[in-house]
Amino acid sequence: MDRMSQTALNSMKMLMENQIATAHNLANLNTPGFRQDVITDFSSIYMNRENGLEPRIVTAREVGKFSVEQGTLESTQNPLDVAINNQGYFVIQPKNGGEPALSRRGDFQINENGELLDGAGNLVLDAGLQPMVIPAFRKINITSQGEILIDALGAEPGALPVNVGNLATLVPEEGARLKKTLDGHIRYEPNLNEDGTEEIIPIEPNQQAKLTSGFLEKSNVNAIEEMVNTIDQMRKFEMHVKMIQMTEELDAAGASLMRLPGL
């Protein structure tokens, strides 16, 4: 009976984590470039007595997986809005610190210091992995290769646009393993060394992404699919609660049969 309850409780824990991921997806339904968290990656862990544990199998999720399906492109006519066609990522420096990360979010803006930020306030990096700084301009254009061209203030009439830098972009090589880290940003999955330590894989822009200016990529979350998942998870949770109640009843019935007459 104990094992039945443990199995049900383990499944309920996974369902609760699924519900958290589903809620996170729905909360970011309107976040440009958001990548849907995948909630169906499970693996089994076998625990045995050699490690001092009771023999049983439990499930565990491989966290950090996400959908790479491209979201819908929406025209905004804003020259600072940029979308990536097909594969590829921008390279950002998270506002809360940490290693550079990858992003599909292209709703750019310029702060009072001339730094280029995305809609979440992260610094957008150039091809040299330095923050992009944009001088004052009358007009700006971002090419499909990521070049930022401006008509500078005070320039002579008819002067050619000035290239003030290239957006760092990366198209991961085939077979590259990416995941969302604990801060919610996308990075390479670290390599595991023989001694158990992790080797961080640095992000190195290859400038191969193709950009479209004046467009934003919407989130790739399917609201209907997420709502169906929510209902399905609630029903499964209720089923496991009933299973635990049934286990309790069976345990009570077994104890009753074992009780000596007259006691």
C-alpha atoms as a PDB file:
ATOM      1  CA  MET A   1       0.000   0.000   0.000  1.00  0.00           C
ATOM      2  CA  ASP A   2       2.860   2.322   0.806  1.00  0.00           C
ATOM      3  CA  ARG A   3       4.268   1.920  -2.695  1.00  0.00           C
ATOM      4  CA  MET A   4       0.885   2.698  -4.275  1.00  0.00           C
ATOM      5  CA  SER A   5       0.684   5.915  -2.261  1.00  0.00           C
ATOM      6  CA  GLN A   6       4.280   6.848  -3.090  1.00  0.00           C
ATOM      7  CA  THR A   7       3.626   6.275  -6.803  1.00  0.00           C
ATOM      8  CA  ALA A   8       0.508   8.451  -6.680  1.00  0.00           C
ATOM      9  CA  LEU A   9       2.275  11.207  -4.726  1.00  0.00           C
ATOM     10  CA  ASN A  10       5.192  11.214  -7.167  1.00  0.00           C
ATOM     11  CA  SER A  11       2.776  11.546 -10.088  1.00  0.00           C
ATOM     12  CA  MET A  12       0.928  14.367  -8.314  1.00  0.00           C
ATOM     13  CA  LYS A  13       4.219  16.200  -7.833  1.00  0.00           C
ATOM     14  CA  MET A  14       4.935  15.946 -11.565  1.00  0.00           C
ATOM     15  CA  LEU A  15       1.409  17.157 -12.389  1.00  0.00           C
ATOM     16  CA  MET A  16       1.892  20.179 -10.134  1.00  0.00           C
ATOM     17  CA  GLU A  17       5.152  21.016 -11.913  1.00  0.00           C
ATOM     18  CA  ASN A  18       3.348  20.619 -15.238  1.00  0.00           C
ATOM     19  CA  GLN A  19       0.694  23.046 -14.051  1.00  0.00           C
ATOM     20  CA  ILE A  20       3.355  25.588 -13.079  1.00  0.00           C
ATOM     21  CA  ALA A  21       4.932  25.338 -16.557  1.00  0.00           C
ATOM     22  CA  THR A  22       1.513  25.669 -18.210  1.00  0.00           C
ATOM     23  CA  ALA A  23       0.696  28.755 -16.123  1.00  0.00           C
ATOM     24  CA  HIS A  24       4.081  30.249 -17.055  1.00  0.00           C
ATOM     25  CA  ASN A  25       3.379  29.653 -20.745  1.00  0.00           C
ATOM     26  CA  LEU A  26      -0.041  31.314 -20.518  1.00  0.00           C
ATOM     27  CA  ALA A  27       1.413  34.274 -18.600  1.00  0.00           C
ATOM     28  CA  ASN A  28       3.854  34.862 -21.494  1.00  0.00           C
ATOM     29  CA  LEU A  29       1.297  34.451 -24.256  1.00  0.00           C
ATOM     30  CA  ASN A  30       1.870  38.063 -25.400  1.00  0.00           C
ATOM     31  CA  THR A  31       5.617  38.232 -24.720  1.00  0.00           C
ATOM     32  CA  PRO A  32       7.473  38.781 -28.030  1.00  0.00           C
ATOM     33  CA  GLY A  33       9.771  35.886 -28.968  1.00  0.00           C
ATOM     34  CA  PHE A  34       8.848  33.796 -25.914  1.00  0.00           C
ATOM     35  CA  ARG A  35       9.679  30.100 -26.272  1.00  0.00           C
ATOM     36  CA  GLN A  36       7.076  27.689 -24.885  1.00  0.00           C
ATOM     37  CA  ASP A  37       8.269  25.587 -21.949  1.00  0.00           C
ATOM     38  CA  VAL A  38       7.966  21.875 -22.761  1.00  0.00           C
ATOM     39  CA  ILE A  39       6.349  19.846 -19.982  1.00  0.00           C
ATOM     40  CA  THR A  40       6.429  16.322 -21.433  1.00  0.00           C
ATOM     41  CA  ASP A  41      10.107  15.404 -21.016  1.00  0.00           C
ATOM     42  CA  PHE A  42      10.263  12.683 -18.348  1.00  0.00           C
ATOM     43  CA  SER A  43      12.829  10.097 -17.380  1.00  0.00           C
ATOM     44  CA  SER A  44      12.856   7.276 -14.822  1.00  0.00           C
ATOM     45  CA  ILE A  45      15.184   6.958 -11.830  1.00  0.00           C
ATOM     46  CA  TYR A  46      15.747   3.508 -10.301  1.00  0.00           C
ATOM     47  CA  MET A  47      16.777   3.637  -6.661  1.00  0.00           C
ATOM     48  CA  ASN A  48      18.301   0.521  -5.123  1.00  0.00           C
ATOM     49  CA  ARG A  49      19.504  -0.671  -1.742  1.00  0.00           C
ATOM     50  CA  GLU A  50      23.160  -0.446  -2.769  1.00  0.00           C
ATOM     51  CA  ASN A  51      22.772   3.307  -2.371  1.00  0.00           C
ATOM     52  CA  GLY A  52      20.917   2.936   0.905  1.00  0.00           C
ATOM     53  CA  LEU A  53      17.513   3.485  -0.698  1.00  0.00           C
ATOM     54  CA  GLU A  54      14.363   1.392  -0.893  1.00  0.00           C
ATOM     55  CA  PRO A  55      14.083  -0.264  -4.353  1.00  0.00           C
ATOM     56  CA  ARG A  56      11.564   1.604  -6.522  1.00  0.00           C
ATOM     57  CA  ILE A  57      11.277   3.621  -9.724  1.00  0.00           C
ATOM     58  CA  VAL A  58      10.245   7.280  -9.745  1.00  0.00           C
ATOM     59  CA  THR A  59       9.846   9.811 -12.530  1.00  0.00           C
ATOM     60  CA  ALA A  60      11.845  13.006 -12.958  1.00  0.00           C
ATOM     61  CA  ARG A  61      11.631  15.842 -15.425  1.00  0.00           C
ATOM     62  CA  GLU A  62      14.504  17.075 -17.535  1.00  0.00           C
ATOM     63  CA  VAL A  63      13.991  20.775 -16.867  1.00  0.00           C
ATOM     64  CA  GLY A  64      14.820  23.600 -19.241  1.00  0.00           C
ATOM     65  CA  LYS A  65      13.418  22.140 -22.467  1.00  0.00           C
ATOM     66  CA  PHE A  66      11.506  24.485 -24.767  1.00  0.00           C
ATOM     67  CA  SER A  67       9.786  24.554 -28.157  1.00  0.00           C
ATOM     68  CA  VAL A  68      11.843  25.892 -31.071  1.00  0.00           C
ATOM     69  CA  GLU A  69       8.800  26.384 -33.324  1.00  0.00           C
ATOM     70  CA  GLN A  70       8.749  29.883 -34.818  1.00  0.00           C
ATOM     71  CA  GLY A  71       6.016  32.254 -33.660  1.00  0.00           C
ATOM     72  CA  THR A  72       3.887  34.344 -35.999  1.00  0.00           C
ATOM     73  CA  LEU A  73       5.544  37.475 -37.415  1.00  0.00           C
ATOM     74  CA  GLU A  74       3.541  40.657 -36.890  1.00  0.00           C
ATOM     75  CA  SER A  75       4.168  43.884 -38.806  1.00  0.00           C
ATOM     76  CA  THR A  76       4.687  46.936 -36.569  1.00  0.00           C
ATOM     77  CA  GLN A  77       6.381  49.401 -38.973  1.00  0.00           C
ATOM     78  CA  ASN A  78       8.699  50.294 -36.086  1.00  0.00           C
ATOM     79  CA  PRO A  79      12.338  50.345 -37.287  1.00  0.00           C
ATOM     80  CA  LEU A  80      13.517  49.196 -33.838  1.00  0.00           C
ATOM     81  CA  ASP A  81      11.360  46.068 -33.974  1.00  0.00           C
ATOM     82  CA  VAL A  82      13.303  43.133 -35.428  1.00  0.00           C
ATOM     83  CA  ALA A  83      12.307  39.506 -35.978  1.00  0.00           C
ATOM     84  CA  ILE A  84      14.501  36.512 -36.780  1.00  0.00           C
ATOM     85  CA  ASN A  85      13.421  34.381 -39.712  1.00  0.00           C
ATOM     86  CA  ASN A  86      13.602  30.643 -39.005  1.00  0.00           C
ATOM     87  CA  GLN A  87      16.518  29.606 -36.788  1.00  0.00           C
ATOM     88  CA  GLY A  88      18.752  31.871 -34.785  1.00  0.00           C
ATOM     89  CA  TYR A  89      18.959  34.043 -31.684  1.00  0.00           C
ATOM     90  CA  PHE A  90      20.012  37.486 -30.553  1.00  0.00           C
ATOM     91  CA  VAL A  91      22.714  37.622 -27.877  1.00  0.00           C
ATOM     92  CA  ILE A  92      21.869  39.589 -24.731  1.00  0.00           C
ATOM     93  CA  GLN A  93      23.373  40.480 -21.376  1.00  0.00           C
ATOM     94  CA  PRO A  94      20.663  39.837 -18.753  1.00  0.00           C
ATOM     95  CA  LYS A  95      19.818  42.911 -16.683  1.00  0.00           C
ATOM     96  CA  ASN A  96      20.257  40.905 -13.473  1.00  0.00           C
ATOM     97  CA  GLY A  97      23.782  39.861 -14.420  1.00  0.00           C
ATOM     98  CA  GLY A  98      25.177  36.452 -15.273  1.00  0.00           C
ATOM     99  CA  GLU A  99      26.628  35.020 -18.461  1.00  0.00           C
ATOM    100  CA  PRO A 100      25.393  36.253 -21.872  1.00  0.00           C
ATOM    101  CA  ALA A 101      22.288  34.454 -23.074  1.00  0.00           C
ATOM    102  CA  LEU A 102      20.249  33.865 -26.222  1.00  0.00           C
ATOM    103  CA  SER A 103      16.907  35.465 -26.990  1.00  0.00           C
ATOM    104  CA  ARG A 104      14.320  35.740 -29.762  1.00  0.00           C
ATOM    105  CA  ARG A 105      12.861  38.948 -28.331  1.00  0.00           C
ATOM    106  CA  GLY A 106      13.244  41.794 -30.808  1.00  0.00           C
ATOM    107  CA  ASP A 107      11.215  44.684 -29.360  1.00  0.00           C
ATOM    108  CA  PHE A 108      14.233  46.945 -29.010  1.00  0.00           C
ATOM    109  CA  GLN A 109      14.415  50.371 -27.410  1.00  0.00           C
ATOM    110  CA  ILE A 110      17.141  52.879 -26.602  1.00  0.00           C
ATOM    111  CA  ASN A 111      17.647  54.167 -23.058  1.00  0.00           C
ATOM    112  CA  GLU A 112      18.888  57.591 -21.947  1.00  0.00           C
ATOM    113  CA  ASN A 113      22.510  56.402 -22.257  1.00  0.00           C
ATOM    114  CA  GLY A 114      22.059  55.339 -25.864  1.00  0.00           C
ATOM    115  CA  GLU A 115      22.202  51.630 -24.959  1.00  0.00           C
ATOM    116  CA  LEU A 116      20.080  49.236 -26.971  1.00  0.00           C
ATOM    117  CA  LEU A 117      17.752  47.169 -24.762  1.00  0.00           C
ATOM    118  CA  ASP A 118      15.079  44.591 -25.423  1.00  0.00           C
ATOM    119  CA  GLY A 119      11.563  44.887 -24.023  1.00  0.00           C
ATOM    120  CA  ALA A 120      12.583  43.126 -20.803  1.00  0.00           C
ATOM    121  CA  GLY A 121      15.420  45.597 -20.126  1.00  0.00           C
ATOM    122  CA  ASN A 122      18.290  43.270 -21.108  1.00  0.00           C
ATOM    123  CA  LEU A 123      21.301  44.760 -22.901  1.00  0.00           C
ATOM    124  CA  VAL A 124      21.534  43.793 -26.572  1.00  0.00           C
ATOM    125  CA  LEU A 125      25.109  42.873 -27.514  1.00  0.00           C
ATOM    126  CA  ASP A 126      27.074  43.519 -30.692  1.00  0.00           C
ATOM    127  CA  ALA A 127      29.192  41.052 -32.662  1.00  0.00           C
ATOM    128  CA  GLY A 128      32.048  41.605 -30.197  1.00  0.00           C
ATOM    129  CA  LEU A 129      29.747  40.807 -27.245  1.00  0.00           C
ATOM    130  CA  GLN A 130      29.759  44.416 -26.083  1.00  0.00           C
ATOM    131  CA  PRO A 131      26.626  46.458 -25.315  1.00  0.00           C
ATOM    132  CA  MET A 132      25.242  48.216 -28.376  1.00  0.00           C
ATOM    133  CA  VAL A 133      25.413  52.015 -28.030  1.00  0.00           C
ATOM    134  CA  ILE A 134      23.449  54.051 -30.579  1.00  0.00           C
ATOM    135  CA  PRO A 135      24.373  57.733 -31.162  1.00  0.00           C
ATOM    136  CA  ALA A 136      21.613  60.297 -31.622  1.00  0.00           C
ATOM    137  CA  PHE A 137      20.008  59.932 -35.048  1.00  0.00           C
ATOM    138  CA  ARG A 138      17.316  61.233 -37.364  1.00  0.00           C
ATOM    139  CA  LYS A 139      16.653  57.853 -38.951  1.00  0.00           C
ATOM    140  CA  ILE A 140      17.651  54.262 -38.178  1.00  0.00           C
ATOM    141  CA  ASN A 141      17.629  51.076 -40.213  1.00  0.00           C
ATOM    142  CA  ILE A 142      18.556  47.509 -39.251  1.00  0.00           C
ATOM    143  CA  THR A 143      19.532  45.313 -42.195  1.00  0.00           C
ATOM    144  CA  SER A 144      18.865  41.616 -42.654  1.00  0.00           C
ATOM    145  CA  GLN A 145      22.502  40.926 -41.642  1.00  0.00           C
ATOM    146  CA  GLY A 146      22.104  42.871 -38.380  1.00  0.00           C
ATOM    147  CA  GLU A 147      23.940  46.044 -39.425  1.00  0.00           C
ATOM    148  CA  ILE A 148      22.600  49.153 -37.681  1.00  0.00           C
ATOM    149  CA  LEU A 149      22.674  52.142 -40.037  1.00  0.00           C
ATOM    150  CA  ILE A 150      21.746  55.644 -38.888  1.00  0.00           C
ATOM    151  CA  ASP A 151      21.416  59.125 -40.326  1.00  0.00           C
ATOM    152  CA  ALA A 152      23.264  60.959 -37.568  1.00  0.00           C
ATOM    153  CA  LEU A 153      22.047  64.262 -36.163  1.00  0.00           C
ATOM    154  CA  GLY A 154      24.009  67.131 -37.652  1.00  0.00           C
ATOM    155  CA  ALA A 155      25.136  65.154 -40.704  1.00  0.00           C
ATOM    156  CA  GLU A 156      25.317  66.934 -44.043  1.00  0.00           C
ATOM    157  CA  PRO A 157      22.234  66.552 -46.261  1.00  0.00           C
ATOM    158  CA  GLY A 158      22.648  63.586 -48.602  1.00  0.00           C
ATOM    159  CA  ALA A 159      25.371  62.028 -46.445  1.00  0.00           C
ATOM    160  CA  LEU A 160      25.553  58.231 -46.484  1.00  0.00           C
ATOM    161  CA  PRO A 161      24.144  56.328 -43.475  1.00  0.00           C
ATOM    162  CA  VAL A 162      26.677  55.484 -40.776  1.00  0.00           C
ATOM    163  CA  ASN A 163      27.178  51.902 -39.599  1.00  0.00           C
ATOM    164  CA  VAL A 164      27.286  52.059 -35.800  1.00  0.00           C
ATOM    165  CA  GLY A 165      27.596  48.304 -35.186  1.00  0.00           C
ATOM    166  CA  ASN A 166      26.271  44.825 -35.891  1.00  0.00           C
ATOM    167  CA  LEU A 167      23.778  42.963 -33.750  1.00  0.00           C
ATOM    168  CA  ALA A 168      25.231  39.738 -32.381  1.00  0.00           C
ATOM    169  CA  THR A 169      23.297  36.753 -33.717  1.00  0.00           C
ATOM    170  CA  LEU A 170      23.826  33.033 -33.462  1.00  0.00           C
ATOM    171  CA  VAL A 171      22.434  30.074 -35.386  1.00  0.00           C
ATOM    172  CA  PRO A 172      23.386  27.048 -33.236  1.00  0.00           C
ATOM    173  CA  GLU A 173      25.225  24.244 -34.954  1.00  0.00           C
ATOM    174  CA  GLU A 174      23.345  21.034 -35.668  1.00  0.00           C
ATOM    175  CA  GLY A 175      22.997  18.918 -32.551  1.00  0.00           C
ATOM    176  CA  ALA A 176      23.639  21.810 -30.166  1.00  0.00           C
ATOM    177  CA  ARG A 177      21.913  21.344 -26.805  1.00  0.00           C
ATOM    178  CA  LEU A 178      20.141  24.451 -25.555  1.00  0.00           C
ATOM    179  CA  LYS A 179      18.081  24.830 -22.411  1.00  0.00           C
ATOM    180  CA  LYS A 180      16.472  27.469 -20.247  1.00  0.00           C
ATOM    181  CA  THR A 181      18.573  28.035 -17.155  1.00  0.00           C
ATOM    182  CA  LEU A 182      17.227  28.916 -13.699  1.00  0.00           C
ATOM    183  CA  ASP A 183      17.009  32.628 -14.571  1.00  0.00           C
ATOM    184  CA  GLY A 184      14.719  31.807 -17.512  1.00  0.00           C
ATOM    185  CA  HIS A 185      17.262  32.634 -20.231  1.00  0.00           C
ATOM    186  CA  ILE A 186      18.418  30.310 -23.009  1.00  0.00           C
ATOM    187  CA  ARG A 187      22.011  29.069 -22.946  1.00  0.00           C
ATOM    188  CA  TYR A 188      24.042  26.039 -24.020  1.00  0.00           C
ATOM    189  CA  GLU A 189      23.600  23.022 -21.795  1.00  0.00           C
ATOM    190  CA  PRO A 190      26.920  22.555 -19.901  1.00  0.00           C
ATOM    191  CA  ASN A 191      29.123  19.552 -20.594  1.00  0.00           C
ATOM    192  CA  LEU A 192      29.555  17.167 -17.681  1.00  0.00           C
ATOM    193  CA  ASN A 193      33.181  16.308 -16.963  1.00  0.00           C
ATOM    194  CA  GLU A 194      34.339  12.944 -15.629  1.00  0.00           C
ATOM    195  CA  ASP A 195      34.885  14.426 -12.178  1.00  0.00           C
ATOM    196  CA  GLY A 196      31.266  15.575 -12.059  1.00  0.00           C
ATOM    197  CA  THR A 197      31.969  19.269 -12.658  1.00  0.00           C
ATOM    198  CA  GLU A 198      30.170  21.245 -15.348  1.00  0.00           C
ATOM    199  CA  GLU A 199      31.971  22.896 -18.250  1.00  0.00           C
ATOM    200  CA  ILE A 200      30.202  26.083 -19.373  1.00  0.00           C
ATOM    201  CA  ILE A 201      30.000  26.449 -23.166  1.00  0.00           C
ATOM    202  CA  PRO A 202      30.504  30.128 -24.133  1.00  0.00           C
ATOM    203  CA  ILE A 203      28.238  31.848 -26.642  1.00  0.00           C
ATOM    204  CA  GLU A 204      30.154  32.864 -29.776  1.00  0.00           C
ATOM    205  CA  PRO A 205      28.113  34.818 -32.380  1.00  0.00           C
ATOM    206  CA  ASN A 206      28.370  33.550 -35.967  1.00  0.00           C
ATOM    207  CA  GLN A 207      26.199  36.287 -37.560  1.00  0.00           C
ATOM    208  CA  GLN A 208      24.197  33.763 -39.610  1.00  0.00           C
ATOM    209  CA  ALA A 209      20.661  34.714 -38.545  1.00  0.00           C
ATOM    210  CA  LYS A 210      18.441  36.490 -41.087  1.00  0.00           C
ATOM    211  CA  LEU A 211      16.576  39.480 -39.676  1.00  0.00           C
ATOM    212  CA  THR A 212      13.421  41.317 -40.729  1.00  0.00           C
ATOM    213  CA  SER A 213      13.081  44.919 -39.584  1.00  0.00           C
ATOM    214  CA  GLY A 214       9.668  46.374 -38.751  1.00  0.00           C
ATOM    215  CA  PHE A 215       8.299  43.004 -37.575  1.00  0.00           C
ATOM    216  CA  LEU A 216       7.972  41.272 -34.206  1.00  0.00           C
ATOM    217  CA  GLU A 217       7.853  37.549 -33.578  1.00  0.00           C
ATOM    218  CA  LYS A 218       4.980  36.678 -31.277  1.00  0.00           C
ATOM    219  CA  SER A 219       5.121  33.990 -28.585  1.00  0.00           C
ATOM    220  CA  ASN A 220       4.904  30.428 -29.927  1.00  0.00           C
ATOM    221  CA  VAL A 221       2.527  29.428 -27.105  1.00  0.00           C
ATOM    222  CA  ASN A 222      -0.791  27.914 -28.255  1.00  0.00           C
ATOM    223  CA  ALA A 223      -3.391  29.212 -25.785  1.00  0.00           C
ATOM    224  CA  ILE A 224      -5.993  26.543 -26.628  1.00  0.00           C
ATOM    225  CA  GLU A 225      -3.457  23.738 -26.232  1.00  0.00           C
ATOM    226  CA  GLU A 226      -2.347  25.118 -22.856  1.00  0.00           C
ATOM    227  CA  MET A 227      -5.929  25.399 -21.596  1.00  0.00           C
ATOM    228  CA  VAL A 228      -6.618  21.796 -22.632  1.00  0.00           C
ATOM    229  CA  ASN A 229      -3.449  20.754 -20.782  1.00  0.00           C
ATOM    230  CA  THR A 230      -4.682  22.578 -17.674  1.00  0.00           C
ATOM    231  CA  ILE A 231      -8.019  20.731 -17.681  1.00  0.00           C
ATOM    232  CA  ASP A 232      -6.311  17.386 -18.348  1.00  0.00           C
ATOM    233  CA  GLN A 233      -3.845  17.893 -15.492  1.00  0.00           C
ATOM    234  CA  MET A 234      -6.646  18.810 -13.067  1.00  0.00           C
ATOM    235  CA  ARG A 235      -8.528  15.628 -13.919  1.00  0.00           C
ATOM    236  CA  LYS A 236      -5.416  13.483 -13.498  1.00  0.00           C
ATOM    237  CA  PHE A 237      -4.681  15.139 -10.161  1.00  0.00           C
ATOM    238  CA  GLU A 238      -8.192  14.313  -8.929  1.00  0.00           C
ATOM    239  CA  MET A 239      -7.742  10.719 -10.105  1.00  0.00           C
ATOM    240  CA  HIS A 240      -4.546  10.356  -8.067  1.00  0.00           C
ATOM    241  CA  VAL A 241      -6.241  11.811  -4.980  1.00  0.00           C
ATOM    242  CA  LYS A 242      -8.922   9.132  -5.317  1.00  0.00           C
ATOM    243  CA  MET A 243      -6.179   6.516  -5.692  1.00  0.00           C
ATOM    244  CA  ILE A 244      -4.612   7.588  -2.384  1.00  0.00           C
ATOM    245  CA  GLN A 245      -8.028   7.479  -0.699  1.00  0.00           C
ATOM    246  CA  MET A 246      -8.567   3.974  -2.055  1.00  0.00           C
ATOM    247  CA  THR A 247      -5.144   2.924  -0.761  1.00  0.00           C
ATOM    248  CA  GLU A 248      -6.076   4.212   2.692  1.00  0.00           C
ATOM    249  CA  GLU A 249      -9.309   2.221   2.607  1.00  0.00           C
ATOM    250  CA  LEU A 250      -7.503  -0.959   1.498  1.00  0.00           C
ATOM    251  CA  ASP A 251      -4.920  -0.484   4.240  1.00  0.00           C
ATOM    252  CA  ALA A 252      -7.663  -0.090   6.852  1.00  0.00           C
ATOM    253  CA  ALA A 253      -9.447  -3.191   5.548  1.00  0.00           C
ATOM    254  CA  GLY A 254      -6.209  -5.217   5.665  1.00  0.00           C
ATOM    255  CA  ALA A 255      -5.533  -4.095   9.227  1.00  0.00           C
ATOM    256  CA  SER A 256      -9.060  -5.127  10.199  1.00  0.00           C
ATOM    257  CA  LEU A 257      -8.540  -8.644   8.791  1.00  0.00           C
ATOM    258  CA  MET A 258      -5.279  -8.995  10.723  1.00  0.00           C
ATOM    259  CA  ARG A 259      -6.861  -7.958  14.040  1.00  0.00           C
ATOM    260  CA  LEU A 260      -7.393 -10.832  16.476  1.00  0.00           C
ATOM    261  CA  PRO A 261     -11.021 -11.620  17.318  1.00  0.00           C
ATOM    262  CA  GLY A 262     -12.297  -9.941  20.452  1.00  0.00           C
ATOM    263  CA  LEU A 263      -9.585  -7.229  20.468  1.00  0.00           C
END
